Amino acid sequence: QIQIAHRRLGSIMLFMGDLRHAEEQLTQGIARYDLERHRSLA
């Protein structure tokens, strides 16, 4: 859920023009990504 929340929050911040916070959220999502655990979320 943390993984998905970072994507949702980052992408909505991008749409709102809050680019620095979007970058922060999306970067956190990438940093927390675990291939074995999260790939199935697709």
Full PDB file with SEQRES, HELIX, SHEET, SSBOND, CRYST1, ORIGX, SCALE, CONECT and MASTER records, all heavy atoms in Angstrom:
SEQRES   1 A   42  GLN ILE GLN ILE ALA HIS ARG ARG LEU GLY SER ILE MET          
SEQRES   2 A   42  LEU PHE MET GLY ASP LEU ARG HIS ALA GLU GLU GLN LEU          
SEQRES   3 A   42  THR GLN GLY ILE ALA ARG TYR ASP LEU GLU ARG HIS ARG          
SEQRES   4 A   42  SER LEU ALA                                                  
HELIX    1 AA1 ILE A    2  MET A   16  1                                  15    
HELIX    2 AA2 LEU A   19  ALA A   31  1                                  13    
HELIX    3 AA3 LEU A   35  HIS A   38  1                                   4    
HELIX    4 AA4 ARG A   39  LEU A   41  5                                   3    
CRYST1    1.000    1.000    1.000  90.00  90.00  90.00 P 1           1          
ORIGX1      1.000000  0.000000  0.000000        0.00000                         
ORIGX2      0.000000  1.000000  0.000000        0.00000                         
ORIGX3      0.000000  0.000000  1.000000        0.00000                         
SCALE1      1.000000  0.000000  0.000000        0.00000                         
SCALE2      0.000000  1.000000  0.000000        0.00000                         
SCALE3      0.000000  0.000000  1.000000        0.00000                         
ATOM      1  N   GLN A   1       0.814  -1.209   0.000  1.00  0.00           N  
ATOM      2  CA  GLN A   1       0.000   0.000   0.000  1.00  0.00           C  
ATOM      3  C   GLN A   1       0.852   1.266   0.000  1.00  0.00           C  
ATOM      4  O   GLN A   1       0.480   2.264  -0.622  1.00  0.00           O  
ATOM      5  CB  GLN A   1      -0.965  -0.007   1.187  1.00  0.00           C  
ATOM      6  CG  GLN A   1      -2.013  -1.094   1.087  1.00  0.00           C  
ATOM      7  CD  GLN A   1      -2.797  -1.031  -0.209  1.00  0.00           C  
ATOM      8  OE1 GLN A   1      -3.261   0.032  -0.611  1.00  0.00           O  
ATOM      9  NE2 GLN A   1      -2.940  -2.161  -0.876  1.00  0.00           N  
ATOM     10  N   ILE A   2       1.983   1.214   0.681  1.00  0.00           N  
ATOM     11  CA  ILE A   2       2.902   2.360   0.663  1.00  0.00           C  
ATOM     12  C   ILE A   2       3.395   2.593  -0.764  1.00  0.00           C  
ATOM     13  O   ILE A   2       3.434   3.736  -1.243  1.00  0.00           O  
ATOM     14  CB  ILE A   2       4.078   2.150   1.640  1.00  0.00           C  
ATOM     15  CG1 ILE A   2       3.564   2.188   3.089  1.00  0.00           C  
ATOM     16  CG2 ILE A   2       5.173   3.197   1.415  1.00  0.00           C  
ATOM     17  CD1 ILE A   2       4.591   1.781   4.125  1.00  0.00           C  
ATOM     18  N   GLN A   3       3.728   1.520  -1.450  1.00  0.00           N  
ATOM     19  CA  GLN A   3       4.203   1.602  -2.843  1.00  0.00           C  
ATOM     20  C   GLN A   3       3.164   2.303  -3.726  1.00  0.00           C  
ATOM     21  O   GLN A   3       3.470   3.243  -4.455  1.00  0.00           O  
ATOM     22  CB  GLN A   3       4.479   0.184  -3.355  1.00  0.00           C  
ATOM     23  CG  GLN A   3       5.047   0.096  -4.725  1.00  0.00           C  
ATOM     24  CD  GLN A   3       6.425   0.693  -4.843  1.00  0.00           C  
ATOM     25  OE1 GLN A   3       6.674   1.374  -5.818  1.00  0.00           O  
ATOM     26  NE2 GLN A   3       7.300   0.487  -3.903  1.00  0.00           N  
ATOM     27  N   ILE A   4       1.938   1.850  -3.644  1.00  0.00           N  
ATOM     28  CA  ILE A   4       0.859   2.409  -4.463  1.00  0.00           C  
ATOM     29  C   ILE A   4       0.537   3.842  -4.033  1.00  0.00           C  
ATOM     30  O   ILE A   4       0.273   4.704  -4.866  1.00  0.00           O  
ATOM     31  CB  ILE A   4      -0.392   1.509  -4.396  1.00  0.00           C  
ATOM     32  CG1 ILE A   4      -0.078   0.102  -4.943  1.00  0.00           C  
ATOM     33  CG2 ILE A   4      -1.555   2.141  -5.131  1.00  0.00           C  
ATOM     34  CD1 ILE A   4       0.477   0.069  -6.353  1.00  0.00           C  
ATOM     35  N   ALA A   5       0.582   4.106  -2.740  1.00  0.00           N  
ATOM     36  CA  ALA A   5       0.279   5.457  -2.249  1.00  0.00           C  
ATOM     37  C   ALA A   5       1.280   6.481  -2.783  1.00  0.00           C  
ATOM     38  O   ALA A   5       0.888   7.594  -3.153  1.00  0.00           O  
ATOM     39  CB  ALA A   5       0.272   5.457  -0.722  1.00  0.00           C  
ATOM     40  N   HIS A   6       2.564   6.120  -2.843  1.00  0.00           N  
ATOM     41  CA  HIS A   6       3.563   7.048  -3.384  1.00  0.00           C  
ATOM     42  C   HIS A   6       3.280   7.352  -4.855  1.00  0.00           C  
ATOM     43  O   HIS A   6       3.407   8.494  -5.293  1.00  0.00           O  
ATOM     44  CB  HIS A   6       4.978   6.492  -3.226  1.00  0.00           C  
ATOM     45  CG  HIS A   6       5.528   6.622  -1.852  1.00  0.00           C  
ATOM     46  ND1 HIS A   6       5.671   7.838  -1.213  1.00  0.00           N  
ATOM     47  CD2 HIS A   6       5.985   5.688  -0.977  1.00  0.00           C  
ATOM     48  CE1 HIS A   6       6.186   7.658  -0.014  1.00  0.00           C  
ATOM     49  NE2 HIS A   6       6.378   6.352   0.160  1.00  0.00           N  
ATOM     50  N   ARG A   7       2.861   6.340  -5.610  1.00  0.00           N  
ATOM     51  CA  ARG A   7       2.543   6.575  -7.023  1.00  0.00           C  
ATOM     52  C   ARG A   7       1.339   7.490  -7.155  1.00  0.00           C  
ATOM     53  O   ARG A   7       1.344   8.447  -7.928  1.00  0.00           O  
ATOM     54  CB  ARG A   7       2.276   5.275  -7.769  1.00  0.00           C  
ATOM     55  CG  ARG A   7       1.884   5.541  -9.226  1.00  0.00           C  
ATOM     56  CD  ARG A   7       1.470   4.324  -9.987  1.00  0.00           C  
ATOM     57  NE  ARG A   7       0.426   3.529  -9.393  1.00  0.00           N  
ATOM     58  CZ  ARG A   7      -0.877   3.785  -9.490  1.00  0.00           C  
ATOM     59  NH1 ARG A   7      -1.311   4.851 -10.133  1.00  0.00           N  
ATOM     60  NH2 ARG A   7      -1.766   2.984  -8.947  1.00  0.00           N  
ATOM     61  N   ARG A   8       0.307   7.221  -6.393  1.00  0.00           N  
ATOM     62  CA  ARG A   8      -0.899   8.035  -6.483  1.00  0.00           C  
ATOM     63  C   ARG A   8      -0.621   9.476  -6.082  1.00  0.00           C  
ATOM     64  O   ARG A   8      -1.020  10.409  -6.769  1.00  0.00           O  
ATOM     65  CB  ARG A   8      -1.989   7.449  -5.587  1.00  0.00           C  
ATOM     66  CG  ARG A   8      -2.601   6.234  -6.181  1.00  0.00           C  
ATOM     67  CD  ARG A   8      -3.948   5.965  -5.574  1.00  0.00           C  
ATOM     68  NE  ARG A   8      -4.633   5.041  -6.457  1.00  0.00           N  
ATOM     69  CZ  ARG A   8      -5.140   3.901  -6.060  1.00  0.00           C  
ATOM     70  NH1 ARG A   8      -5.099   3.551  -4.805  1.00  0.00           N  
ATOM     71  NH2 ARG A   8      -5.736   3.112  -6.927  1.00  0.00           N  
ATOM     72  N   LEU A   9       0.046   9.640  -4.973  1.00  0.00           N  
ATOM     73  CA  LEU A   9       0.312  10.993  -4.485  1.00  0.00           C  
ATOM     74  C   LEU A   9       1.269  11.721  -5.422  1.00  0.00           C  
ATOM     75  O   LEU A   9       1.058  12.895  -5.750  1.00  0.00           O  
ATOM     76  CB  LEU A   9       0.871  10.931  -3.063  1.00  0.00           C  
ATOM     77  CG  LEU A   9       0.927  12.238  -2.283  1.00  0.00           C  
ATOM     78  CD1 LEU A   9      -0.391  12.980  -2.310  1.00  0.00           C  
ATOM     79  CD2 LEU A   9       1.352  11.957  -0.849  1.00  0.00           C  
ATOM     80  N   GLY A  10       2.306  11.037  -5.896  1.00  0.00           N  
ATOM     81  CA  GLY A  10       3.252  11.668  -6.816  1.00  0.00           C  
ATOM     82  C   GLY A  10       2.606  12.092  -8.125  1.00  0.00           C  
ATOM     83  O   GLY A  10       2.839  13.195  -8.619  1.00  0.00           O  
ATOM     84  N   SER A  11       1.785  11.216  -8.679  1.00  0.00           N  
ATOM     85  CA  SER A  11       1.172  11.546  -9.967  1.00  0.00           C  
ATOM     86  C   SER A  11       0.149  12.667  -9.833  1.00  0.00           C  
ATOM     87  O   SER A  11       0.072  13.545 -10.693  1.00  0.00           O  
ATOM     88  CB  SER A  11       0.556  10.304 -10.616  1.00  0.00           C  
ATOM     89  OG  SER A  11      -0.423   9.729  -9.793  1.00  0.00           O  
ATOM     90  N   ILE A  12      -0.615  12.686  -8.745  1.00  0.00           N  
ATOM     91  CA  ILE A  12      -1.597  13.765  -8.588  1.00  0.00           C  
ATOM     92  C   ILE A  12      -0.883  15.098  -8.343  1.00  0.00           C  
ATOM     93  O   ILE A  12      -1.320  16.146  -8.817  1.00  0.00           O  
ATOM     94  CB  ILE A  12      -2.654  13.446  -7.509  1.00  0.00           C  
ATOM     95  CG1 ILE A  12      -3.906  14.301  -7.718  1.00  0.00           C  
ATOM     96  CG2 ILE A  12      -2.136  13.669  -6.104  1.00  0.00           C  
ATOM     97  CD1 ILE A  12      -4.662  14.014  -8.966  1.00  0.00           C  
ATOM     98  N   MET A  13       0.243  15.066  -7.627  1.00  0.00           N  
ATOM     99  CA  MET A  13       1.010  16.296  -7.423  1.00  0.00           C  
ATOM    100  C   MET A  13       1.572  16.811  -8.744  1.00  0.00           C  
ATOM    101  O   MET A  13       1.618  18.018  -8.971  1.00  0.00           O  
ATOM    102  CB  MET A  13       2.120  16.060  -6.406  1.00  0.00           C  
ATOM    103  CG  MET A  13       1.593  15.905  -5.008  1.00  0.00           C  
ATOM    104  SD  MET A  13       2.932  15.562  -3.859  1.00  0.00           S  
ATOM    105  CE  MET A  13       2.102  15.789  -2.306  1.00  0.00           C  
ATOM    106  N   LEU A  14       1.968  15.896  -9.613  1.00  0.00           N  
ATOM    107  CA  LEU A  14       2.420  16.285 -10.949  1.00  0.00           C  
ATOM    108  C   LEU A  14       1.289  17.008 -11.682  1.00  0.00           C  
ATOM    109  O   LEU A  14       1.490  18.085 -12.249  1.00  0.00           O  
ATOM    110  CB  LEU A  14       2.886  15.057 -11.736  1.00  0.00           C  
ATOM    111  CG  LEU A  14       3.092  15.237 -13.229  1.00  0.00           C  
ATOM    112  CD1 LEU A  14       4.201  16.243 -13.514  1.00  0.00           C  
ATOM    113  CD2 LEU A  14       3.396  13.891 -13.882  1.00  0.00           C  
ATOM    114  N   PHE A  15       0.097  16.431 -11.661  1.00  0.00           N  
ATOM    115  CA  PHE A  15      -1.043  17.036 -12.348  1.00  0.00           C  
ATOM    116  C   PHE A  15      -1.394  18.401 -11.774  1.00  0.00           C  
ATOM    117  O   PHE A  15      -1.906  19.259 -12.474  1.00  0.00           O  
ATOM    118  CB  PHE A  15      -2.258  16.110 -12.270  1.00  0.00           C  
ATOM    119  CG  PHE A  15      -2.288  15.077 -13.347  1.00  0.00           C  
ATOM    120  CD1 PHE A  15      -1.284  14.142 -13.476  1.00  0.00           C  
ATOM    121  CD2 PHE A  15      -3.338  15.043 -14.244  1.00  0.00           C  
ATOM    122  CE1 PHE A  15      -1.313  13.190 -14.471  1.00  0.00           C  
ATOM    123  CE2 PHE A  15      -3.380  14.087 -15.254  1.00  0.00           C  
ATOM    124  CZ  PHE A  15      -2.358  13.156 -15.372  1.00  0.00           C  
ATOM    125  N   MET A  16      -1.112  18.589 -10.490  1.00  0.00           N  
ATOM    126  CA  MET A  16      -1.408  19.875  -9.847  1.00  0.00           C  
ATOM    127  C   MET A  16      -0.274  20.890 -10.029  1.00  0.00           C  
ATOM    128  O   MET A  16      -0.397  22.034  -9.608  1.00  0.00           O  
ATOM    129  CB  MET A  16      -1.669  19.655  -8.361  1.00  0.00           C  
ATOM    130  CG  MET A  16      -2.933  18.856  -8.089  1.00  0.00           C  
ATOM    131  SD  MET A  16      -3.194  18.593  -6.330  1.00  0.00           S  
ATOM    132  CE  MET A  16      -3.733  20.244  -5.846  1.00  0.00           C  
ATOM    133  N   GLY A  17       0.845  20.462 -10.625  1.00  0.00           N  
ATOM    134  CA  GLY A  17       1.969  21.360 -10.838  1.00  0.00           C  
ATOM    135  C   GLY A  17       2.907  21.476  -9.653  1.00  0.00           C  
ATOM    136  O   GLY A  17       3.808  22.313  -9.654  1.00  0.00           O  
ATOM    137  N   ASP A  18       2.732  20.639  -8.661  1.00  0.00           N  
ATOM    138  CA  ASP A  18       3.603  20.622  -7.482  1.00  0.00           C  
ATOM    139  C   ASP A  18       4.762  19.661  -7.777  1.00  0.00           C  
ATOM    140  O   ASP A  18       4.827  18.551  -7.244  1.00  0.00           O  
ATOM    141  CB  ASP A  18       2.796  20.186  -6.254  1.00  0.00           C  
ATOM    142  CG  ASP A  18       3.554  20.364  -4.953  1.00  0.00           C  
ATOM    143  OD1 ASP A  18       4.775  20.641  -4.996  1.00  0.00           O  
ATOM    144  OD2 ASP A  18       2.926  20.207  -3.886  1.00  0.00           O  
ATOM    145  N   LEU A  19       5.656  20.117  -8.641  1.00  0.00           N  
ATOM    146  CA  LEU A  19       6.667  19.232  -9.212  1.00  0.00           C  
ATOM    147  C   LEU A  19       7.687  18.724  -8.206  1.00  0.00           C  
ATOM    148  O   LEU A  19       8.106  17.565  -8.286  1.00  0.00           O  
ATOM    149  CB  LEU A  19       7.383  19.939 -10.374  1.00  0.00           C  
ATOM    150  CG  LEU A  19       6.470  20.388 -11.520  1.00  0.00           C  
ATOM    151  CD1 LEU A  19       7.281  21.094 -12.595  1.00  0.00           C  
ATOM    152  CD2 LEU A  19       5.689  19.223 -12.098  1.00  0.00           C  
ATOM    153  N   ARG A  20       8.106  19.545  -7.287  1.00  0.00           N  
ATOM    154  CA  ARG A  20       9.106  19.098  -6.295  1.00  0.00           C  
ATOM    155  C   ARG A  20       8.544  18.001  -5.396  1.00  0.00           C  
ATOM    156  O   ARG A  20       9.215  17.012  -5.105  1.00  0.00           O  
ATOM    157  CB  ARG A  20       9.616  20.269  -5.456  1.00  0.00           C  
ATOM    158  CG  ARG A  20      10.458  21.227  -6.239  1.00  0.00           C  
ATOM    159  CD  ARG A  20      11.756  20.572  -6.659  1.00  0.00           C  
ATOM    160  NE  ARG A  20      12.512  21.502  -7.491  1.00  0.00           N  
ATOM    161  CZ  ARG A  20      13.503  21.167  -8.264  1.00  0.00           C  
ATOM    162  NH1 ARG A  20      13.903  19.919  -8.316  1.00  0.00           N  
ATOM    163  NH2 ARG A  20      14.125  22.058  -8.988  1.00  0.00           N  
ATOM    164  N   HIS A  21       7.294  18.172  -4.953  1.00  0.00           N  
ATOM    165  CA  HIS A  21       6.696  17.135  -4.115  1.00  0.00           C  
ATOM    166  C   HIS A  21       6.380  15.881  -4.938  1.00  0.00           C  
ATOM    167  O   HIS A  21       6.478  14.763  -4.431  1.00  0.00           O  
ATOM    168  CB  HIS A  21       5.452  17.662  -3.405  1.00  0.00           C  
ATOM    169  CG  HIS A  21       5.790  18.571  -2.275  1.00  0.00           C  
ATOM    170  ND1 HIS A  21       5.463  19.896  -2.271  1.00  0.00           N  
ATOM    171  CD2 HIS A  21       6.455  18.340  -1.115  1.00  0.00           C  
ATOM    172  CE1 HIS A  21       5.909  20.451  -1.156  1.00  0.00           C  
ATOM    173  NE2 HIS A  21       6.515  19.531  -0.443  1.00  0.00           N  
ATOM    174  N   ALA A  22       6.007  16.057  -6.192  1.00  0.00           N  
ATOM    175  CA  ALA A  22       5.791  14.906  -7.074  1.00  0.00           C  
ATOM    176  C   ALA A  22       7.085  14.118  -7.209  1.00  0.00           C  
ATOM    177  O   ALA A  22       7.097  12.888  -7.068  1.00  0.00           O  
ATOM    178  CB  ALA A  22       5.309  15.373  -8.446  1.00  0.00           C  
ATOM    179  N   GLU A  23       8.171  14.831  -7.462  1.00  0.00           N  
ATOM    180  CA  GLU A  23       9.477  14.188  -7.588  1.00  0.00           C  
ATOM    181  C   GLU A  23       9.832  13.411  -6.314  1.00  0.00           C  
ATOM    182  O   GLU A  23      10.289  12.269  -6.378  1.00  0.00           O  
ATOM    183  CB  GLU A  23      10.543  15.247  -7.872  1.00  0.00           C  
ATOM    184  CG  GLU A  23      11.948  14.710  -7.969  1.00  0.00           C  
ATOM    185  CD  GLU A  23      12.980  15.813  -8.149  1.00  0.00           C  
ATOM    186  OE1 GLU A  23      12.770  16.939  -7.622  1.00  0.00           O  
ATOM    187  OE2 GLU A  23      13.991  15.552  -8.807  1.00  0.00           O  
ATOM    188  N   GLU A  24       9.584  14.017  -5.169  1.00  0.00           N  
ATOM    189  CA  GLU A  24       9.890  13.386  -3.884  1.00  0.00           C  
ATOM    190  C   GLU A  24       9.086  12.094  -3.692  1.00  0.00           C  
ATOM    191  O   GLU A  24       9.649  11.056  -3.336  1.00  0.00           O  
ATOM    192  CB  GLU A  24       9.573  14.365  -2.757  1.00  0.00           C  
ATOM    193  CG  GLU A  24       9.803  13.827  -1.373  1.00  0.00           C  
ATOM    194  CD  GLU A  24       9.385  14.840  -0.318  1.00  0.00           C  
ATOM    195  OE1 GLU A  24       9.751  16.027  -0.440  1.00  0.00           O  
ATOM    196  OE2 GLU A  24       8.671  14.423   0.615  1.00  0.00           O  
ATOM    197  N   GLN A  25       7.792  12.150  -3.940  1.00  0.00           N  
ATOM    198  CA  GLN A  25       6.942  10.972  -3.753  1.00  0.00           C  
ATOM    199  C   GLN A  25       7.316   9.845  -4.715  1.00  0.00           C  
ATOM    200  O   GLN A  25       7.408   8.682  -4.323  1.00  0.00           O  
ATOM    201  CB  GLN A  25       5.464  11.337  -3.932  1.00  0.00           C  
ATOM    202  CG  GLN A  25       4.906  12.205  -2.849  1.00  0.00           C  
ATOM    203  CD  GLN A  25       4.942  11.528  -1.487  1.00  0.00           C  
ATOM    204  OE1 GLN A  25       4.633  10.344  -1.362  1.00  0.00           O  
ATOM    205  NE2 GLN A  25       5.331  12.266  -0.474  1.00  0.00           N  
ATOM    206  N   LEU A  26       7.518  10.188  -5.969  1.00  0.00           N  
ATOM    207  CA  LEU A  26       7.831   9.177  -6.974  1.00  0.00           C  
ATOM    208  C   LEU A  26       9.209   8.563  -6.743  1.00  0.00           C  
ATOM    209  O   LEU A  26       9.398   7.362  -6.908  1.00  0.00           O  
ATOM    210  CB  LEU A  26       7.715   9.782  -8.373  1.00  0.00           C  
ATOM    211  CG  LEU A  26       6.286  10.236  -8.717  1.00  0.00           C  
ATOM    212  CD1 LEU A  26       6.298  11.160  -9.920  1.00  0.00           C  
ATOM    213  CD2 LEU A  26       5.368   9.044  -8.924  1.00  0.00           C  
ATOM    214  N   THR A  27      10.155   9.381  -6.321  1.00  0.00           N  
ATOM    215  CA  THR A  27      11.492   8.874  -6.004  1.00  0.00           C  
ATOM    216  C   THR A  27      11.430   7.929  -4.810  1.00  0.00           C  
ATOM    217  O   THR A  27      12.105   6.883  -4.805  1.00  0.00           O  
ATOM    218  CB  THR A  27      12.458  10.050  -5.732  1.00  0.00           C  
ATOM    219  OG1 THR A  27      12.521  10.864  -6.914  1.00  0.00           O  
ATOM    220  CG2 THR A  27      13.847   9.557  -5.392  1.00  0.00           C  
ATOM    221  N   GLN A  28      10.613   8.261  -3.817  1.00  0.00           N  
ATOM    222  CA  GLN A  28      10.448   7.360  -2.670  1.00  0.00           C  
ATOM    223  C   GLN A  28       9.846   6.029  -3.103  1.00  0.00           C  
ATOM    224  O   GLN A  28      10.247   4.968  -2.611  1.00  0.00           O  
ATOM    225  CB  GLN A  28       9.568   8.001  -1.596  1.00  0.00           C  
ATOM    226  CG  GLN A  28      10.269   9.069  -0.810  1.00  0.00           C  
ATOM    227  CD  GLN A  28       9.389   9.597   0.310  1.00  0.00           C  
ATOM    228  OE1 GLN A  28       8.721   8.843   0.996  1.00  0.00           O  
ATOM    229  NE2 GLN A  28       9.392  10.911   0.474  1.00  0.00           N  
ATOM    230  N   GLY A  29       8.888   6.082  -3.997  1.00  0.00           N  
ATOM    231  CA  GLY A  29       8.289   4.847  -4.506  1.00  0.00           C  
ATOM    232  C   GLY A  29       9.305   3.965  -5.195  1.00  0.00           C  
ATOM    233  O   GLY A  29       9.334   2.746  -4.979  1.00  0.00           O  
ATOM    234  N   ILE A  30      10.160   4.563  -6.009  1.00  0.00           N  
ATOM    235  CA  ILE A  30      11.208   3.796  -6.697  1.00  0.00           C  
ATOM    236  C   ILE A  30      12.186   3.228  -5.682  1.00  0.00           C  
ATOM    237  O   ILE A  30      12.596   2.059  -5.775  1.00  0.00           O  
ATOM    238  CB  ILE A  30      11.921   4.667  -7.753  1.00  0.00           C  
ATOM    239  CG1 ILE A  30      10.961   4.969  -8.905  1.00  0.00           C  
ATOM    240  CG2 ILE A  30      13.192   3.990  -8.253  1.00  0.00           C  
ATOM    241  CD1 ILE A  30      11.458   6.010  -9.894  1.00  0.00           C  
ATOM    242  N   ALA A  31      12.567   4.035  -4.687  1.00  0.00           N  
ATOM    243  CA  ALA A  31      13.537   3.584  -3.681  1.00  0.00           C  
ATOM    244  C   ALA A  31      13.000   2.418  -2.854  1.00  0.00           C  
ATOM    245  O   ALA A  31      13.765   1.547  -2.430  1.00  0.00           O  
ATOM    246  CB  ALA A  31      13.918   4.750  -2.764  1.00  0.00           C  
ATOM    247  N   ARG A  32      11.702   2.384  -2.627  1.00  0.00           N  
ATOM    248  CA  ARG A  32      11.092   1.333  -1.809  1.00  0.00           C  
ATOM    249  C   ARG A  32      10.700   0.100  -2.624  1.00  0.00           C  
ATOM    250  O   ARG A  32      10.197  -0.877  -2.077  1.00  0.00           O  
ATOM    251  CB  ARG A  32       9.840   1.865  -1.114  1.00  0.00           C  
ATOM    252  CG  ARG A  32      10.123   2.914  -0.074  1.00  0.00           C  
ATOM    253  CD  ARG A  32       8.799   3.480   0.438  1.00  0.00           C  
ATOM    254  NE  ARG A  32       9.003   4.456   1.464  1.00  0.00           N  
ATOM    255  CZ  ARG A  32       8.923   4.200   2.764  1.00  0.00           C  
ATOM    256  NH1 ARG A  32       8.660   2.987   3.186  1.00  0.00           N  
ATOM    257  NH2 ARG A  32       9.110   5.153   3.640  1.00  0.00           N  
ATOM    258  N   TYR A  33      10.895   0.168  -3.913  1.00  0.00           N  
ATOM    259  CA  TYR A  33      10.448  -0.914  -4.798  1.00  0.00           C  
ATOM    260  C   TYR A  33      11.240  -2.192  -4.545  1.00  0.00           C  
ATOM    261  O   TYR A  33      12.455  -2.191  -4.457  1.00  0.00           O  
ATOM    262  CB  TYR A  33      10.608  -0.485  -6.259  1.00  0.00           C  
ATOM    263  CG  TYR A  33      10.139  -1.529  -7.232  1.00  0.00           C  
ATOM    264  CD1 TYR A  33       8.781  -1.718  -7.443  1.00  0.00           C  
ATOM    265  CD2 TYR A  33      11.033  -2.314  -7.925  1.00  0.00           C  
ATOM    266  CE1 TYR A  33       8.329  -2.671  -8.333  1.00  0.00           C  
ATOM    267  CE2 TYR A  33      10.597  -3.266  -8.822  1.00  0.00           C  
ATOM    268  CZ  TYR A  33       9.237  -3.439  -9.016  1.00  0.00           C  
ATOM    269  OH  TYR A  33       8.799  -4.390  -9.906  1.00  0.00           O  
ATOM    270  N   ASP A  34      10.508  -3.283  -4.432  1.00  0.00           N  
ATOM    271  CA  ASP A  34      11.086  -4.618  -4.271  1.00  0.00           C  
ATOM    272  C   ASP A  34      10.519  -5.489  -5.387  1.00  0.00           C  
ATOM    273  O   ASP A  34       9.320  -5.799  -5.391  1.00  0.00           O  
ATOM    274  CB  ASP A  34      10.709  -5.175  -2.896  1.00  0.00           C  
ATOM    275  CG  ASP A  34      11.233  -6.579  -2.646  1.00  0.00           C  
ATOM    276  OD1 ASP A  34      11.346  -7.380  -3.605  1.00  0.00           O  
ATOM    277  OD2 ASP A  34      11.512  -6.887  -1.485  1.00  0.00           O  
ATOM    278  N   LEU A  35      11.365  -5.870  -6.320  1.00  0.00           N  
ATOM    279  CA  LEU A  35      10.934  -6.611  -7.509  1.00  0.00           C  
ATOM    280  C   LEU A  35      10.093  -7.830  -7.150  1.00  0.00           C  
ATOM    281  O   LEU A  35       9.006  -8.026  -7.684  1.00  0.00           O  
ATOM    282  CB  LEU A  35      12.155  -7.036  -8.327  1.00  0.00           C  
ATOM    283  CG  LEU A  35      11.889  -7.956  -9.506  1.00  0.00           C  
ATOM    284  CD1 LEU A  35      11.102  -7.228 -10.570  1.00  0.00           C  
ATOM    285  CD2 LEU A  35      13.192  -8.473 -10.077  1.00  0.00           C  
ATOM    286  N   GLU A  36      10.571  -8.643  -6.248  1.00  0.00           N  
ATOM    287  CA  GLU A  36       9.865  -9.876  -5.903  1.00  0.00           C  
ATOM    288  C   GLU A  36       8.512  -9.596  -5.250  1.00  0.00           C  
ATOM    289  O   GLU A  36       7.547 -10.302  -5.488  1.00  0.00           O  
ATOM    290  CB  GLU A  36      10.725 -10.739  -4.977  1.00  0.00           C  
ATOM    291  CG  GLU A  36      11.991 -11.256  -5.627  1.00  0.00           C  
ATOM    292  CD  GLU A  36      11.714 -12.074  -6.890  1.00  0.00           C  
ATOM    293  OE1 GLU A  36      10.783 -12.908  -6.876  1.00  0.00           O  
ATOM    294  OE2 GLU A  36      12.414 -11.860  -7.893  1.00  0.00           O  
ATOM    295  N   ARG A  37       8.455  -8.595  -4.434  1.00  0.00           N  
ATOM    296  CA  ARG A  37       7.223  -8.305  -3.698  1.00  0.00           C  
ATOM    297  C   ARG A  37       6.216  -7.513  -4.533  1.00  0.00           C  
ATOM    298  O   ARG A  37       5.024  -7.782  -4.511  1.00  0.00           O  
ATOM    299  CB  ARG A  37       7.544  -7.534  -2.430  1.00  0.00           C  
ATOM    300  CG  ARG A  37       6.300  -7.178  -1.658  1.00  0.00           C  
ATOM    301  CD  ARG A  37       6.580  -6.558  -0.327  1.00  0.00           C  
ATOM    302  NE  ARG A  37       5.323  -6.385   0.346  1.00  0.00           N  
ATOM    303  CZ  ARG A  37       4.826  -7.211   1.240  1.00  0.00           C  
ATOM    304  NH1 ARG A  37       5.485  -8.280   1.582  1.00  0.00           N  
ATOM    305  NH2 ARG A  37       3.658  -6.978   1.799  1.00  0.00           N  
ATOM    306  N   HIS A  38       6.679  -6.512  -5.257  1.00  0.00           N  
ATOM    307  CA  HIS A  38       5.776  -5.548  -5.870  1.00  0.00           C  
ATOM    308  C   HIS A  38       5.411  -5.819  -7.327  1.00  0.00           C  
ATOM    309  O   HIS A  38       4.441  -5.249  -7.824  1.00  0.00           O  
ATOM    310  CB  HIS A  38       6.354  -4.136  -5.735  1.00  0.00           C  
ATOM    311  CG  HIS A  38       6.446  -3.695  -4.316  1.00  0.00           C  
ATOM    312  ND1 HIS A  38       7.628  -3.260  -3.757  1.00  0.00           N  
ATOM    313  CD2 HIS A  38       5.519  -3.633  -3.336  1.00  0.00           C  
ATOM    314  CE1 HIS A  38       7.414  -2.950  -2.497  1.00  0.00           C  
ATOM    315  NE2 HIS A  38       6.142  -3.167  -2.212  1.00  0.00           N  
ATOM    316  N   ARG A  39       6.144  -6.634  -8.006  1.00  0.00           N  
ATOM    317  CA  ARG A  39       5.849  -6.874  -9.427  1.00  0.00           C  
ATOM    318  C   ARG A  39       4.435  -7.406  -9.612  1.00  0.00           C  
ATOM    319  O   ARG A  39       3.759  -7.055 -10.568  1.00  0.00           O  
ATOM    320  CB  ARG A  39       6.897  -7.826  -9.998  1.00  0.00           C  
ATOM    321  CG  ARG A  39       6.726  -8.196 -11.399  1.00  0.00           C  
ATOM    322  CD  ARG A  39       7.438  -7.534 -12.508  1.00  0.00           C  
ATOM    323  NE  ARG A  39       8.390  -6.506 -12.428  1.00  0.00           N  
ATOM    324  CZ  ARG A  39       9.477  -6.462 -13.175  1.00  0.00           C  
ATOM    325  NH1 ARG A  39       9.787  -7.442 -13.969  1.00  0.00           N  
ATOM    326  NH2 ARG A  39      10.272  -5.436 -13.121  1.00  0.00           N  
ATOM    327  N   SER A  40       3.959  -8.239  -8.690  1.00  0.00           N  
ATOM    328  CA  SER A  40       2.625  -8.828  -8.827  1.00  0.00           C  
ATOM    329  C   SER A  40       1.505  -7.799  -8.659  1.00  0.00           C  
ATOM    330  O   SER A  40       0.355  -8.064  -9.012  1.00  0.00           O  
ATOM    331  CB  SER A  40       2.447  -9.954  -7.816  1.00  0.00           C  
ATOM    332  OG  SER A  40       2.480  -9.430  -6.499  1.00  0.00           O  
ATOM    333  N   LEU A  41       1.815  -6.621  -8.141  1.00  0.00           N  
ATOM    334  CA  LEU A  41       0.792  -5.593  -7.974  1.00  0.00           C  
ATOM    335  C   LEU A  41       0.216  -5.128  -9.314  1.00  0.00           C  
ATOM    336  O   LEU A  41      -0.879  -4.572  -9.358  1.00  0.00           O  
ATOM    337  CB  LEU A  41       1.350  -4.400  -7.197  1.00  0.00           C  
ATOM    338  CG  LEU A  41       1.717  -4.660  -5.733  1.00  0.00           C  
ATOM    339  CD1 LEU A  41       2.344  -3.421  -5.116  1.00  0.00           C  
ATOM    340  CD2 LEU A  41       0.505  -5.107  -4.942  1.00  0.00           C  
ATOM    341  N   ALA A  42       0.940  -5.384 -10.396  1.00  0.00           N  
ATOM    342  CA  ALA A  42       0.444  -5.014 -11.724  1.00  0.00           C  
ATOM    343  C   ALA A  42      -0.895  -5.684 -12.002  1.00  0.00           C  
ATOM    344  O   ALA A  42      -1.777  -5.091 -12.628  1.00  0.00           O  
ATOM    345  CB  ALA A  42       1.458  -5.384 -12.801  1.00  0.00           C  
TER     346      ALA A  42                                                      
MASTER        0    0    0    4    0    0    0    6  345    1    0    4          
END                                                                             
